[in-house]
């Protein structure tokens, strides 16, 4: 039968003889486009023979067509089987190509390229050398050969969507936090039947002049006076400057009385707040004013000194940053109502700073940093090259902490230092910054800094919990709290809370604790924690499992209370702060 019913057009029969197209010999109603092979006997040359042969040929075609129509079910079944085999072969081919592209160890190969239309391209901000980091983001899940894949739940991690390695230049831009638009965040967001009771804010001071200078180089020429028409600026900056004389009416404790309330040097002094730093906190205060004052009415227009609690270290940059934030935050700002308390410790431990084990873990952490640095041969070579440019010993350059000064050049768009031996360039900067990022990752792995952070931040966290408890009980004093601090204050606080993805505190960073009351059940209180406007509540160690096992939209305040009063000492095999501080771990 296969010999009689061939394919369309002139083809070769299975016996090697020529075949003819059946549709050429059928009538209009009979053409089915099949090919019939010639019979084995040769075609007769007589007229009678030809007629007889044609009659038998047409009979064979009709018989073939009749059998096909009678067995349509078998024909459709054969077609379905053919399609199934084709589909399986394509899937097998795609699987083999996918495995080959990922390599034997699951790593990437050079098979995928930026030009692949299945991938969209997102560029990070351009660096100083004009090069921008490119991120490949899968625009749609697809198979090879252009076939669109079905949407299925993924069991294994997609190797091509793993987060890229941190870019030192991009992270440096993030750290600078140069203000260019209105700040936004998720502060004050909660279900409609919840009421905001209190807000506790800790900030890092704004942009400052370097604390260290690279020897034998010119310091960056930065003007620290405040000029409203110089960018970056803020709509409240001019009035903030004009009220300088009135600012003397605010109450300042102890050493804070000897500090200037505004930066004023044409050539910045070491560590002095810049205009960028002032604008950063004017923006912070303005954003919090829109959320907490206008929306939630946390403080009335006739607020009193008792409703506000402000604390600052004895540095001009922290005091001035705190004043800038308060100026744009408070309704009907009144300098005479401001009372700023002095905090002598950068970790805000107040009267609970005696903790030998905290110092022990800090020394261990510093030893870890040193060991990691000496293993980095590229970093060491970079320091050697920079020392040759500057003309000083490598050890002296390293002790000068050059990244502090280079960050100031970078953030203010000032050329890196040059000498007669050459110039420090962007590649030097990138190597040092990349090592900082590597150090942060290693620090999270070794957990020495985490133990230090728990003991360093317990006093300030305990003070915050105590104040929150009073407010939850109905007290209306100190409903807004502000701590104006440093990176060495904010960083351990983030680590102690167990937030793994928090970046190193940038200039003008803020971490906020909000306490809420459930309108339906007034006995329940809840807490939200935000870092730079991002809700990180369910990233904390005490709330990370709450969202998955509870219908509550917020984290219960009791979780935070138990963490501060008891759970944070479990890693030291202790139950209280004093025991954890004085129990030696062998």
Foldseek 3Di string as FASTA:
>chain_A
DPQAWAAADWDAGPVRDTKDFPQVVDDPVLRDRTIGRDDPDDQDPDPVSNVVRVVVSVVSSVVVVVVCVVPVVVVVVVVVVVVVVVVVVVVVVQVVVVDVQCDPVSHHDPPDDPPPVQWDWDWADAAPVRDTDIQTDGPADQTPPGHRDDDDDDDDDDNNHPDDDDFLRRVLLVQLCQDDDFAAFQPQDDPPQKAFQFKEKEWEFFDWAAQFDQPQWDFDQAAAADDQVDPPHDPCSVVVVVCQVQLLLAAEDDLLNVARLGGHGGGGDHGGDHNSRLVLLLSVLQNLQVRCCVPRVNDPLPGALQLAAAEEENDNRLNNSVVSSCVNHHHPDHSNRHHYYYAHDQQRLRPNPQFQVLVVLVVVLVVVLVVLQVVPVVLLVLLVVVCVFSVHDSVVSVVSVVLSRVSVCRSVVHAATGDPSGGDDPVSNSVVSSSVVVSLVVCLVVCSLLLSLLLSNLSVLVVVLVVVVVSLVPDSGHRYYYYRHHLVNVVSVCSPQQQSPDDRNHRGKMKMKIKMARNVDRVWIFIWIDISNHTCQLNGPQNVCVVVPDPDPGHTPVSSVCCSQAVSCVVQVDGHSVCSRPPDDD
